[in-house]
Amino acid sequence: MSANPQWDVSRALGVARLFQLVCGVRDGSVSPFLTLYLRQLGLAAPWVGVLMGTKHLIAAFWAPFCALLAQNHQKRRALLTGSLLGSVGASLLLVLVPPLHTEPGSGPCNGSVRVPATAPPPGVWAATTNATWALESASSPPAGAPGLARNWTPDPDGPGRSDRDSVGHIHGGYLARTTSHGLLPPAASDEDVNTWEGAYEVVNTALALLPAEGPGLASPANWSTTEGHAKALDLSLEGLRWTFILSLGSVVLWELLTAPLEQVADDSLYEYLDFVDATDRYGSLWVWRLLGVSAGACGTAALVEQLGCFLVSSGPQGALHFYGYSVVSFVALLVSIAFPVPKCLRQEPRYRTIKALSVMGGAPRLILLALTVFLIGAVTSTVQNFLFWHMRDHGSGELVMGFSLALGLLGELSLRPFKTVLLSKVSRVGMVGLGLGCLAGQLLYYSFIWSWWSVLPVQALSAISGGALWWAVVASIEDLATSGTERPLTAMFRGHLYGGGCSLGSFVGGFVVMHFGLAVLYQACCVALLLWLALFLAIQPRLPQERKINYSKLLAVEASDTSDSEPGLDQDWFVKAVEEEQSHQKG
């Protein structure tokens, strides 16, 4: 069969591995750092959560629809090419979005002096004190600012109440004011002190001097909250509006063009291997994608740290991630020319998704597992969106961030040789429970990180919370699914349910970060996971056993254990399997 170039399995697998590796490098170069770049643009946590939630929602429902259309109209290769080319242009649109703060000296490459992690940059104290005194001296807010009028209250203790140095922060329109030594700097003019407009302008100047990329001020763990409060009020509403709208449009267009790529490639390769009865070699291709993501995250982060200020003189350094993404996309485009896409295969009726839904609706164990996957997606999105923010607040560079991501992925790869042993020795329920517990432990640890390197040791738990947990989920689906519905059910769990959970978690997580902080968000997610784990372990044994007979697996076992020419077969395997299933259900 290898004589036919269309069905050269070894060549097809080699090209597929290379394609998965290049696509992994492509995704790892920008996807983990996307929220960090949005932060560099000046967007607060709620708006970043809305952007990421929209992105996950599009990926969850748009990708399967495009994959179905491409298969029905035999346009898979055209979709692969169009997705790779279109995503390059759409990703570069984000580079053109103007950041909110373009004042001289506010960029991360201003000179060679980096701000220490324990103190704000020079001039911030004076500007903040100026803003505080200006607000306290304003007799009354203007009539056009009702939100500020409701929340603004004068300081009862006056300017000399404290000698502590701290920075005011904004919380839902409320300015929590503290002063520095109780002295009004000479930079504040009488007009600034006596008018609300002047105070408004002074506060804007003070916030502009705060570092967009620097670490925390008084407490590193609270800096994301402080920054989020300041940006949520956003003293330049017009700039925020346009930055958010342009970012949202770019992200939506980018995701519409990028989302179908992975599913179309997977479906094409699976059908190719299925035609030549080689689907057993399909399951190991995910290793190459994880290796690519690890290499892309570390390589691009190192490039940004070493050459960021040299290559990007103005604007956020994160633009280099998108340039690297574009270069690797062209390499993936060249590899996709040889990617195996089967042609003129027999068309089968496309009712598998509806059948998979009917199977899940009649299986309480699958419903419980679906809710678990949805919760995992919601919780995991908070790590994907804001963990690098948390690390940045503690002085971490992008190279450490990429290395932490690579450690988690390499932990999954290191556990792969023990996959069969784990699934055979540990029950499916026990493995899911262990994965949920490890994920809760990681979240609790993230809420108490104390330095830029402290996040690295806990990444080893990703081998269980990321790898073993999903192996148990997929194995449970295969055990409970009927013949022909395993793959649609797995795609539904990974796409619709997990993606929907990521979308909801992103929407909610951004507002929690703004009002309560990142530490509270991770602690709340940890508590939610532990409560669900207790409920999962309590409900699971009480559900009826509804294990389906997978006839294809029985045929495979029969073919390997016995032969048609073997004499003395006194029992029919099919009758025996049905009898055992009936007795199991009665028991």
Protein backbone atom coordinates (compact mmCIF):
# COMPACT_ATOMS: atom_id res chain seq x y z
CA MET A 1 0.00 0.00 0.00
CA SER A 2 2.98 2.29 0.48
CA ALA A 3 3.58 2.13 -3.28
CA ASN A 4 0.67 4.52 -3.71
CA PRO A 5 1.98 7.97 -2.74
CA GLN A 6 -1.44 8.96 -1.43
CA TRP A 7 -1.28 6.25 1.24
CA ASP A 8 2.37 6.39 2.28
CA VAL A 9 1.81 6.05 6.02
CA SER A 10 5.40 6.59 7.13
CA ARG A 11 5.72 9.77 5.07
CA ALA A 12 2.32 11.02 6.26
CA LEU A 13 3.22 10.49 9.91
CA GLY A 14 6.55 12.26 9.46
CA VAL A 15 4.89 15.29 7.89
CA ALA A 16 2.19 15.28 10.58
CA ARG A 17 4.80 15.26 13.36
CA LEU A 18 6.65 18.15 11.77
CA PHE A 19 3.40 20.05 11.28
CA GLN A 20 2.39 19.52 14.90
CA LEU A 21 5.82 20.66 16.07
CA VAL A 22 5.78 23.83 13.97
CA CYS A 23 2.19 24.65 14.96
CA GLY A 24 3.16 24.14 18.59
CA VAL A 25 6.03 26.62 18.23
CA ARG A 26 3.61 28.99 16.51
CA ASP A 27 1.04 28.82 19.30
CA GLY A 28 3.60 28.90 22.10
CA SER A 29 5.21 32.05 20.77
CA VAL A 30 2.16 34.24 21.38
CA SER A 31 -0.84 32.52 23.01
CA PRO A 32 0.58 32.26 26.57
CA PHE A 33 1.69 35.91 26.46
CA LEU A 34 -1.43 37.39 24.89
CA THR A 35 -2.96 38.65 28.13
CA LEU A 36 0.40 40.12 29.13
CA TYR A 37 0.44 42.08 25.87
CA LEU A 38 -3.10 43.29 26.45
CA ARG A 39 -1.95 44.52 29.84
CA GLN A 40 0.87 46.40 28.12
CA LEU A 41 -1.73 48.09 25.95
CA GLY A 42 -3.29 49.45 29.13
CA LEU A 43 -6.38 47.25 29.40
CA ALA A 44 -7.56 46.30 32.89
CA ALA A 45 -8.38 42.78 34.03
CA PRO A 46 -12.17 42.94 33.28
CA TRP A 47 -11.58 43.95 29.68
CA VAL A 48 -8.87 41.34 29.24
CA GLY A 49 -11.29 38.76 30.65
CA VAL A 50 -13.94 39.81 28.13
CA LEU A 51 -11.47 39.53 25.26
CA MET A 52 -10.22 36.10 26.31
CA GLY A 53 -13.74 34.86 27.05
CA THR A 54 -14.83 35.86 23.56
CA LYS A 55 -11.79 34.12 22.11
CA HIS A 56 -12.56 30.85 23.91
CA LEU A 57 -16.23 31.03 22.96
CA ILE A 58 -15.41 31.39 19.26
CA ALA A 59 -12.95 28.50 19.41
CA ALA A 60 -15.49 26.24 21.13
CA PHE A 61 -18.25 26.56 18.53
CA TRP A 62 -16.75 28.02 15.36
CA ALA A 63 -14.04 25.39 14.84
CA PRO A 64 -16.40 22.36 14.65
CA PHE A 65 -18.69 24.23 12.25
CA CYS A 66 -15.83 25.10 9.90
CA ALA A 67 -14.45 21.56 10.08
CA LEU A 68 -17.84 20.16 9.06
CA LEU A 69 -18.16 22.57 6.13
CA ALA A 70 -14.62 21.83 4.95
CA GLN A 71 -15.28 18.10 4.99
CA ASN A 72 -18.61 18.27 3.22
CA HIS A 73 -17.24 20.48 0.43
CA GLN A 74 -13.79 18.85 0.18
CA LYS A 75 -12.04 22.14 1.03
CA ARG A 76 -9.79 21.03 3.86
CA ARG A 77 -6.50 21.94 2.22
CA ALA A 78 -7.87 25.31 1.16
CA LEU A 79 -9.00 25.93 4.73
CA LEU A 80 -5.57 25.00 6.09
CA THR A 81 -3.86 27.40 3.72
CA GLY A 82 -6.37 30.19 4.29
CA SER A 83 -6.19 29.80 8.06
CA LEU A 84 -2.41 30.01 8.15
CA LEU A 85 -2.25 33.02 5.83
CA GLY A 86 -5.19 34.87 7.35
CA SER A 87 -4.02 34.41 10.92
CA VAL A 88 -0.75 36.17 10.06
CA GLY A 89 -2.52 39.34 8.97
CA ALA A 90 -5.07 39.21 11.77
CA SER A 91 -2.41 38.79 14.44
CA LEU A 92 -0.46 41.77 13.14
CA LEU A 93 -3.56 43.92 13.53
CA LEU A 94 -3.06 43.70 17.30
CA VAL A 95 0.36 45.29 16.89
CA LEU A 96 -1.32 48.32 15.29
CA VAL A 97 -3.62 48.90 18.28
CA PRO A 98 -2.38 52.05 20.04
CA PRO A 99 -1.63 51.66 23.75
CA LEU A 100 -3.51 53.82 26.23
CA HIS A 101 -0.41 55.55 27.62
CA THR A 102 2.06 57.00 25.15
CA GLU A 103 3.63 59.66 27.36
CA PRO A 104 7.42 60.01 27.16
CA GLY A 105 9.20 57.88 29.72
CA SER A 106 6.29 55.52 30.36
CA GLY A 107 7.58 52.67 28.21
CA PRO A 108 9.55 49.71 29.58
CA CYS A 109 12.62 50.59 27.47
CA ASN A 110 13.12 54.11 28.84
CA GLY A 111 16.82 54.11 29.53
CA SER A 112 18.77 51.31 31.10
CA VAL A 113 17.57 51.68 34.68
CA ARG A 114 15.00 49.16 35.86
CA VAL A 115 12.69 49.98 38.71
CA PRO A 116 13.33 47.84 41.79
CA ALA A 117 10.60 45.58 43.03
CA THR A 118 10.22 47.30 46.36
CA ALA A 119 9.86 50.95 45.38
CA PRO A 120 7.96 52.96 42.81
CA PRO A 121 9.82 55.02 40.21
CA PRO A 122 10.95 58.56 41.02
CA GLY A 123 8.27 61.16 40.79
CA VAL A 124 5.35 58.85 41.46
CA TRP A 125 5.10 59.86 45.12
CA ALA A 126 5.02 63.54 44.26
CA ALA A 127 2.52 63.16 41.47
CA THR A 128 0.28 60.94 43.55
CA THR A 129 0.42 63.29 46.52
CA ASN A 130 -0.36 66.15 44.19
CA ALA A 131 -3.41 64.27 42.92
CA THR A 132 -4.52 63.48 46.46
CA TRP A 133 -4.32 67.08 47.65
CA ALA A 134 -6.03 68.29 44.53
CA LEU A 135 -8.97 65.98 45.04
CA GLU A 136 -9.27 66.82 48.72
CA SER A 137 -9.18 70.54 47.99
CA ALA A 138 -11.84 70.37 45.28
CA SER A 139 -14.95 71.85 46.85
CA SER A 140 -17.45 69.88 44.77
CA PRO A 141 -17.34 67.69 41.69
CA PRO A 142 -18.91 68.84 38.47
CA ALA A 143 -22.47 68.01 37.64
CA GLY A 144 -21.38 65.89 34.70
CA ALA A 145 -19.61 63.35 36.92
CA PRO A 146 -22.37 61.66 38.94
CA GLY A 147 -20.38 58.51 39.64
CA LEU A 148 -17.55 60.46 41.21
CA ALA A 149 -19.96 62.68 43.10
CA ARG A 150 -21.54 59.70 44.78
CA ASN A 151 -18.31 58.07 45.83
CA TRP A 152 -16.07 61.04 46.59
CA THR A 153 -15.68 61.90 50.23
CA PRO A 154 -13.26 64.33 51.85
CA ASP A 155 -10.55 63.06 54.12
CA PRO A 156 -11.67 63.75 57.71
CA ASP A 157 -8.17 63.61 59.16
CA GLY A 158 -6.63 66.24 56.93
CA PRO A 159 -3.29 66.15 55.19
CA GLY A 160 -1.10 65.57 58.24
CA ARG A 161 -2.68 62.32 59.41
CA SER A 162 0.18 60.00 58.54
CA ASP A 163 3.84 59.87 57.65
CA ARG A 164 3.55 56.60 55.73
CA ASP A 165 4.44 56.49 52.05
CA SER A 166 1.80 54.77 49.97
CA VAL A 167 -0.04 55.15 46.72
CA GLY A 168 -3.72 55.90 46.20
CA HIS A 169 -5.74 53.41 44.24
CA ILE A 170 -9.06 53.51 42.54
CA HIS A 171 -11.85 51.10 43.37
CA GLY A 172 -15.06 51.33 41.35
CA GLY A 173 -14.87 55.11 41.11
CA TYR A 174 -13.61 55.58 44.67
CA LEU A 175 -10.15 57.06 45.23
CA ALA A 176 -8.56 55.72 48.41
CA ARG A 177 -6.23 58.56 49.25
CA THR A 178 -3.02 58.55 51.23
CA THR A 179 -0.40 61.25 51.37
CA SER A 180 3.34 61.39 51.58
CA HIS A 181 4.59 63.38 54.59
CA GLY A 182 1.47 65.55 54.38
CA LEU A 183 3.13 68.17 52.18
CA LEU A 184 1.78 69.59 48.93
CA PRO A 185 4.49 69.52 46.27
CA PRO A 186 5.16 72.77 44.51
CA ALA A 187 4.14 71.24 41.19
CA ALA A 188 0.47 71.68 42.06
CA SER A 189 -0.79 75.08 41.02
CA ASP A 190 -3.67 76.96 42.62
CA GLU A 191 -5.88 76.17 39.65
CA ASP A 192 -5.24 72.45 40.08
CA VAL A 193 -6.13 72.65 43.74
CA ASN A 194 -9.27 74.76 43.37
CA THR A 195 -10.96 73.07 40.41
CA TRP A 196 -12.16 69.54 39.89
CA GLU A 197 -10.89 69.55 36.32
CA GLY A 198 -7.40 70.33 37.52
CA ALA A 199 -7.54 67.50 40.04
CA TYR A 200 -8.75 65.16 37.33
CA GLU A 201 -5.82 66.12 35.13
CA VAL A 202 -3.31 65.73 37.95
CA VAL A 203 -4.57 62.23 38.78
CA ASN A 204 -4.23 61.32 35.14
CA THR A 205 -0.64 62.52 35.16
CA ALA A 206 0.10 60.52 38.32
CA LEU A 207 -1.33 57.33 36.87
CA ALA A 208 0.60 57.83 33.65
CA LEU A 209 3.83 57.80 35.65
CA LEU A 210 3.03 54.44 37.18
CA PRO A 211 4.95 51.67 35.42
CA ALA A 212 2.80 49.62 33.07
CA GLU A 213 5.18 46.67 33.28
CA GLY A 214 6.96 47.15 36.56
CA PRO A 215 6.42 45.10 39.70
CA GLY A 216 4.29 45.96 42.65
CA LEU A 217 4.50 49.10 44.75
CA ALA A 218 3.73 48.47 48.39
CA SER A 219 2.89 44.78 47.99
CA PRO A 220 3.62 42.87 44.79
CA ALA A 221 0.56 40.69 45.20
CA ASN A 222 -1.71 43.75 45.28
CA TRP A 223 -0.26 45.60 42.32
CA SER A 224 -2.46 43.87 39.73
CA THR A 225 -5.48 44.84 41.80
CA THR A 226 -4.26 48.43 42.11
CA GLU A 227 -3.50 48.68 38.44
CA GLY A 228 -6.83 47.12 37.57
CA HIS A 229 -8.71 49.64 39.72
CA ALA A 230 -6.89 52.54 38.09
CA LYS A 231 -7.47 51.29 34.59
CA ALA A 232 -11.11 50.41 35.34
CA LEU A 233 -11.87 54.05 36.13
CA ASP A 234 -9.69 55.04 33.18
CA LEU A 235 -9.19 58.74 33.19
CA SER A 236 -9.12 58.73 29.40
CA LEU A 237 -12.42 57.04 28.55
CA GLU A 238 -12.13 57.76 24.86
CA GLY A 239 -8.72 56.11 24.66
CA LEU A 240 -9.95 53.08 26.59
CA ARG A 241 -12.97 52.75 24.37
CA TRP A 242 -10.96 52.73 21.15
CA THR A 243 -8.22 50.49 22.51
CA PHE A 244 -10.77 47.95 23.71
CA ILE A 245 -12.83 48.04 20.50
CA LEU A 246 -9.79 47.67 18.26
CA SER A 247 -8.39 44.88 20.44
CA LEU A 248 -11.73 43.07 20.45
CA GLY A 249 -12.08 43.29 16.69
CA SER A 250 -8.54 42.04 16.13
CA VAL A 251 -8.92 39.14 18.57
CA VAL A 252 -12.26 38.08 17.09
CA LEU A 253 -10.96 38.14 13.51
CA TRP A 254 -7.79 36.37 14.53
CA GLU A 255 -9.68 33.60 16.32
CA LEU A 256 -12.16 33.16 13.47
CA LEU A 257 -9.25 32.49 11.13
CA THR A 258 -7.12 30.42 13.52
CA ALA A 259 -9.62 28.23 15.39
CA PRO A 260 -10.46 25.73 12.59
CA LEU A 261 -6.83 24.88 11.85
CA GLU A 262 -6.18 22.30 14.58
CA GLN A 263 -9.47 20.44 14.24
CA VAL A 264 -9.33 20.28 10.44
CA ALA A 265 -5.77 18.96 10.56
CA ASP A 266 -6.68 16.36 13.20
CA ASP A 267 -9.76 15.16 11.31
CA SER A 268 -7.81 14.89 8.05
CA LEU A 269 -5.01 12.88 9.60
CA TYR A 270 -7.36 10.61 11.54
CA GLU A 271 -9.41 9.76 8.45
CA TYR A 272 -6.22 9.17 6.48
CA LEU A 273 -4.92 6.72 9.09
CA ASP A 274 -8.35 5.15 9.53
CA PHE A 275 -8.49 4.31 5.83
CA VAL A 276 -5.27 2.29 6.12
CA ASP A 277 -6.10 0.87 9.60
CA ALA A 278 -3.30 2.76 11.37
CA THR A 279 -5.25 4.87 13.87
CA ASP A 280 -3.26 3.35 16.72
CA ARG A 281 -0.36 5.59 15.67
CA TYR A 282 -2.50 8.72 15.86
CA GLY A 283 -2.51 8.98 19.66
CA SER A 284 1.20 9.86 20.04
CA LEU A 285 1.17 13.00 17.87
CA TRP A 286 0.19 15.28 20.76
CA VAL A 287 3.71 14.84 22.13
CA TRP A 288 5.12 16.87 19.25
CA ARG A 289 2.71 19.72 19.81
CA LEU A 290 3.67 19.97 23.49
CA LEU A 291 7.34 20.01 22.55
CA GLY A 292 6.64 22.78 20.05
CA VAL A 293 4.71 24.89 22.56
CA SER A 294 7.54 24.56 25.09
CA ALA A 295 10.17 25.54 22.54
CA GLY A 296 8.10 28.43 21.20
CA ALA A 297 7.34 29.90 24.63
CA CYS A 298 10.95 29.76 25.83
CA GLY A 299 12.52 30.84 22.54
CA THR A 300 10.27 33.83 21.93
CA ALA A 301 10.49 34.95 25.56
CA ALA A 302 14.29 34.85 25.39
CA LEU A 303 14.19 36.88 22.18
CA VAL A 304 11.93 39.49 23.74
CA GLU A 305 14.09 39.86 26.84
CA GLN A 306 17.38 40.09 24.97
CA LEU A 307 16.40 42.10 21.90
CA GLY A 308 13.08 43.65 22.85
CA CYS A 309 14.31 47.17 23.50
CA PHE A 310 16.63 47.03 20.49
CA LEU A 311 14.04 45.86 17.97
CA VAL A 312 11.02 47.72 19.40
CA SER A 313 12.09 51.24 20.30
CA SER A 314 8.58 52.51 21.01
CA GLY A 315 5.46 50.70 22.07
CA PRO A 316 5.05 47.42 23.95
CA GLN A 317 7.83 44.88 23.61
CA GLY A 318 5.19 42.17 23.32
CA ALA A 319 4.84 43.03 19.64
CA LEU A 320 7.84 40.75 19.04
CA HIS A 321 5.67 37.76 19.94
CA PHE A 322 3.41 38.51 16.99
CA TYR A 323 6.34 38.98 14.63
CA GLY A 324 7.69 35.59 15.64
CA TYR A 325 4.22 34.12 15.25
CA SER A 326 4.06 35.42 11.67
CA VAL A 327 7.44 33.98 10.72
CA VAL A 328 6.62 30.52 12.10
CA SER A 329 3.21 30.63 10.38
CA PHE A 330 4.92 30.86 7.00
CA VAL A 331 7.03 27.83 7.90
CA ALA A 332 3.84 25.95 8.86
CA LEU A 333 2.34 26.99 5.53
CA LEU A 334 5.20 25.31 3.68
CA VAL A 335 4.79 22.12 5.73
CA SER A 336 1.01 22.09 5.17
CA ILE A 337 1.58 21.63 1.43
CA ALA A 338 2.62 18.03 2.11
CA PHE A 339 0.16 17.44 4.96
CA PRO A 340 -1.93 14.28 4.37
CA VAL A 341 -5.45 15.24 3.36
CA PRO A 342 -7.48 12.28 2.05
CA LYS A 343 -9.52 12.77 -1.10
CA CYS A 344 -12.65 11.13 -2.44
CA LEU A 345 -13.32 9.10 0.69
CA ARG A 346 -16.71 7.55 1.23
CA GLN A 347 -19.07 10.09 2.67
CA GLU A 348 -20.76 9.00 5.89
CA PRO A 349 -23.88 10.54 7.42
CA ARG A 350 -22.96 13.40 9.78
CA TYR A 351 -25.19 12.61 12.73
CA ARG A 352 -22.46 11.58 15.12
CA THR A 353 -22.65 14.75 17.18
CA ILE A 354 -26.39 14.36 17.72
CA LYS A 355 -25.88 10.71 18.58
CA ALA A 356 -23.14 11.64 21.03
CA LEU A 357 -25.49 14.12 22.69
CA SER A 358 -28.14 11.44 23.05
CA VAL A 359 -25.61 9.06 24.59
CA MET A 360 -24.48 11.69 27.09
CA GLY A 361 -28.07 12.62 27.95
CA GLY A 362 -28.85 9.04 28.91
CA ALA A 363 -25.73 8.45 31.00
CA PRO A 364 -25.60 10.16 34.42
CA ARG A 365 -21.90 9.39 34.73
CA LEU A 366 -21.17 11.23 31.50
CA ILE A 367 -23.25 14.19 32.68
CA LEU A 368 -21.27 14.35 35.93
CA LEU A 369 -18.05 14.08 33.95
CA ALA A 370 -19.21 16.85 31.61
CA LEU A 371 -19.84 19.19 34.55
CA THR A 372 -16.40 18.34 35.90
CA VAL A 373 -14.73 19.20 32.57
CA PHE A 374 -16.69 22.47 32.40
CA LEU A 375 -15.44 23.42 35.87
CA ILE A 376 -11.88 22.45 34.95
CA GLY A 377 -12.08 24.79 31.97
CA ALA A 378 -13.39 27.66 34.09
CA VAL A 379 -10.64 27.25 36.67
CA THR A 380 -7.84 26.65 34.19
CA SER A 381 -8.70 29.84 32.31
CA THR A 382 -7.78 31.90 35.36
CA VAL A 383 -4.29 30.38 35.27
CA GLN A 384 -3.92 30.88 31.54
CA ASN A 385 -5.11 34.49 31.70
CA PHE A 386 -3.59 35.91 34.86
CA LEU A 387 -0.75 33.73 36.15
CA PHE A 388 1.81 35.69 34.14
CA TRP A 389 0.32 38.90 35.56
CA HIS A 390 0.92 37.49 39.02
CA MET A 391 4.49 36.58 38.13
CA ARG A 392 5.10 40.00 36.60
CA ASP A 393 3.91 41.63 39.82
CA HIS A 394 6.67 39.76 41.63
CA GLY A 395 9.41 40.87 39.24
CA SER A 396 9.44 37.91 36.86
CA GLY A 397 10.70 38.27 33.30
CA GLU A 398 9.15 36.65 30.25
CA LEU A 399 11.89 34.03 30.04
CA VAL A 400 10.97 32.73 33.51
CA MET A 401 7.32 32.71 32.46
CA GLY A 402 8.08 30.67 29.36
CA PHE A 403 10.25 28.32 31.38
CA SER A 404 7.46 27.78 33.91
CA LEU A 405 5.06 26.88 31.08
CA ALA A 406 7.62 24.50 29.59
CA LEU A 407 8.12 22.80 32.96
CA GLY A 408 4.42 22.01 33.19
CA LEU A 409 4.27 20.61 29.64
CA LEU A 410 7.46 18.60 30.04
CA GLY A 411 6.02 17.19 33.25
CA GLU A 412 3.12 15.79 31.23
CA LEU A 413 5.54 14.26 28.74
CA SER A 414 7.62 12.69 31.50
CA LEU A 415 4.53 10.90 32.83
CA ARG A 416 3.51 9.55 29.43
CA PRO A 417 5.49 6.25 29.68
CA PHE A 418 3.45 5.40 32.78
CA LYS A 419 0.08 6.20 31.22
CA THR A 420 -0.96 2.57 30.71
CA VAL A 421 0.16 1.56 34.19
CA LEU A 422 -1.69 4.45 35.84
CA LEU A 423 -4.93 3.78 34.01
CA SER A 424 -4.77 0.08 34.81
CA LYS A 425 -3.75 0.37 38.46
CA VAL A 426 -5.82 3.41 39.45
CA SER A 427 -9.55 3.65 38.85
CA ARG A 428 -10.96 6.31 36.55
CA VAL A 429 -12.71 8.03 39.45
CA GLY A 430 -9.57 7.96 41.57
CA MET A 431 -7.47 9.45 38.79
CA VAL A 432 -9.97 12.26 38.17
CA GLY A 433 -10.10 12.97 41.89
CA LEU A 434 -6.30 13.00 42.11
CA GLY A 435 -6.10 15.41 39.18
CA LEU A 436 -8.65 17.76 40.71
CA GLY A 437 -6.80 17.70 44.02
CA CYS A 438 -3.46 18.52 42.38
CA LEU A 439 -5.05 21.36 40.41
CA ALA A 440 -6.55 22.79 43.61
CA GLY A 441 -3.14 22.56 45.29
CA GLN A 442 -1.53 24.44 42.42
CA LEU A 443 -4.09 27.24 42.64
CA LEU A 444 -3.61 27.57 46.39
CA TYR A 445 0.15 27.72 45.90
CA TYR A 446 -0.19 30.39 43.20
CA SER A 447 -2.06 32.63 45.63
CA PHE A 448 0.93 32.62 48.01
CA ILE A 449 3.88 32.96 45.64
CA TRP A 450 6.48 35.32 47.10
CA SER A 451 9.11 35.85 44.38
CA TRP A 452 9.72 35.50 40.65
CA TRP A 453 11.09 31.96 40.93
CA SER A 454 8.66 30.53 43.50
CA VAL A 455 6.15 29.41 40.88
CA LEU A 456 8.59 26.96 39.27
CA PRO A 457 8.55 24.06 41.80
CA VAL A 458 4.77 23.60 41.76
CA GLN A 459 4.71 23.21 37.98
CA ALA A 460 5.65 19.56 38.44
CA LEU A 461 2.06 18.91 39.55
CA SER A 462 0.91 19.72 36.01
CA ALA A 463 1.89 16.17 35.08
CA ILE A 464 -1.15 14.99 37.04
CA SER A 465 -3.48 17.99 36.90
CA GLY A 466 -2.95 18.40 33.15
CA GLY A 467 -1.87 15.04 31.78
CA ALA A 468 -3.21 12.24 33.98
CA LEU A 469 -6.49 14.06 34.59
CA TRP A 470 -7.28 14.23 30.89
CA TRP A 471 -6.17 10.64 30.31
CA ALA A 472 -8.69 9.54 32.91
CA VAL A 473 -11.42 11.70 31.36
CA VAL A 474 -10.80 10.29 27.87
CA ALA A 475 -10.63 6.72 29.22
CA SER A 476 -13.95 7.23 31.04
CA ILE A 477 -15.54 8.53 27.85
CA GLU A 478 -14.32 5.51 25.90
CA ASP A 479 -15.68 3.16 28.56
CA LEU A 480 -19.13 4.77 28.62
CA ALA A 481 -19.55 5.61 24.92
CA THR A 482 -21.22 3.35 22.39
CA SER A 483 -19.43 2.22 19.26
CA GLY A 484 -18.79 5.10 16.89
CA THR A 485 -19.36 7.86 19.42
CA GLU A 486 -16.01 7.85 21.24
CA ARG A 487 -14.35 10.42 19.03
CA PRO A 488 -17.36 12.81 18.77
CA LEU A 489 -17.83 12.66 22.54
CA THR A 490 -14.15 13.37 23.18
CA ALA A 491 -14.24 16.30 20.75
CA MET A 492 -17.35 17.63 22.48
CA PHE A 493 -15.72 17.44 25.91
CA ARG A 494 -12.50 19.09 24.75
CA GLY A 495 -14.18 21.66 22.55
CA HIS A 496 -17.65 22.70 23.66
CA LEU A 497 -17.51 21.87 27.37
CA TYR A 498 -13.91 22.74 28.17
CA GLY A 499 -13.95 25.77 25.86
CA GLY A 500 -17.27 26.96 27.29
CA GLY A 501 -15.85 26.66 30.79
CA CYS A 502 -12.78 28.67 29.77
CA SER A 503 -15.04 31.36 28.33
CA LEU A 504 -17.14 31.67 31.47
CA GLY A 505 -14.07 31.59 33.71
CA SER A 506 -12.47 34.39 31.71
CA PHE A 507 -15.55 36.62 31.88
CA VAL A 508 -15.94 36.19 35.64
CA GLY A 509 -12.24 36.06 36.54
CA GLY A 510 -11.46 39.52 35.19
CA PHE A 511 -14.01 41.23 37.43
CA VAL A 512 -12.91 39.19 40.45
CA VAL A 513 -9.32 40.32 39.87
CA MET A 514 -10.39 43.96 39.69
CA HIS A 515 -12.42 43.91 42.90
CA PHE A 516 -10.57 41.38 45.06
CA GLY A 517 -7.17 40.64 43.53
CA LEU A 518 -5.43 37.67 41.98
CA ALA A 519 -4.71 35.92 45.27
CA VAL A 520 -8.40 35.88 46.19
CA LEU A 521 -9.28 34.60 42.71
CA TYR A 522 -6.96 31.60 43.03
CA GLN A 523 -8.09 30.85 46.56
CA ALA A 524 -11.74 30.97 45.50
CA CYS A 525 -11.01 28.61 42.58
CA CYS A 526 -9.21 26.25 44.96
CA VAL A 527 -12.19 26.17 47.30
CA ALA A 528 -14.58 25.58 44.40
CA LEU A 529 -12.49 22.66 43.14
CA LEU A 530 -12.29 21.06 46.58
CA LEU A 531 -16.05 21.37 47.10
CA TRP A 532 -16.71 19.87 43.69
CA LEU A 533 -14.21 17.07 44.39
CA ALA A 534 -16.08 16.14 47.56
CA LEU A 535 -19.39 16.22 45.68
CA PHE A 536 -17.95 14.21 42.79
CA LEU A 537 -16.61 11.48 45.06
CA ALA A 538 -19.90 11.35 46.97
CA ILE A 539 -22.17 11.13 43.91
CA GLN A 540 -20.08 8.90 41.64
CA PRO A 541 -20.54 5.58 43.57
CA ARG A 542 -24.30 6.11 43.79
CA LEU A 543 -24.84 6.45 40.05
CA PRO A 544 -26.04 3.37 38.15
CA GLN A 545 -23.46 1.40 36.20
CA GLU A 546 -24.05 2.05 32.53
CA ARG A 547 -20.99 0.64 30.89
CA LYS A 548 -21.65 0.16 27.20
CA ILE A 549 -20.48 -2.83 25.19
CA ASN A 550 -17.83 -1.64 22.78
CA TYR A 551 -18.03 -4.26 20.04
CA SER A 552 -14.96 -3.03 18.21
CA LYS A 553 -12.86 -3.59 21.35
CA LEU A 554 -14.34 -7.07 21.80
CA LEU A 555 -13.48 -7.94 18.22
CA ALA A 556 -9.93 -6.69 18.71
CA VAL A 557 -9.51 -8.75 21.87
CA GLU A 558 -10.98 -11.82 20.20
CA ALA A 559 -8.69 -11.47 17.20
CA SER A 560 -5.60 -11.21 19.40
CA ASP A 561 -6.48 -13.99 21.85
CA THR A 562 -7.99 -16.65 19.60
CA SER A 563 -8.05 -17.72 15.97
CA ASP A 564 -10.90 -18.86 13.72
CA SER A 565 -9.03 -22.10 13.05
CA GLU A 566 -8.56 -22.92 16.74
CA PRO A 567 -10.65 -25.96 17.70
CA GLY A 568 -12.63 -26.40 20.86
CA LEU A 569 -14.32 -23.00 21.07
CA ASP A 570 -17.32 -24.00 23.16
CA GLN A 571 -18.54 -20.48 23.97
CA ASP A 572 -19.63 -17.63 21.74
CA TRP A 573 -17.87 -14.45 22.86
CA PHE A 574 -20.79 -12.27 21.84
CA VAL A 575 -23.35 -14.23 23.85
CA LYS A 576 -21.02 -14.34 26.82
CA ALA A 577 -20.48 -10.57 26.72
CA VAL A 578 -24.22 -9.87 26.57
CA GLU A 579 -24.91 -12.22 29.47
CA GLU A 580 -22.20 -10.64 31.59
CA GLU A 581 -23.55 -7.18 30.83
CA GLN A 582 -27.12 -8.17 31.78
CA SER A 583 -26.00 -9.79 35.02
CA HIS A 584 -23.87 -6.73 35.83
CA GLN A 585 -26.84 -4.39 35.36
CA LYS A 586 -29.13 -6.58 37.48
CA GLY A 587 -26.52 -6.74 40.23
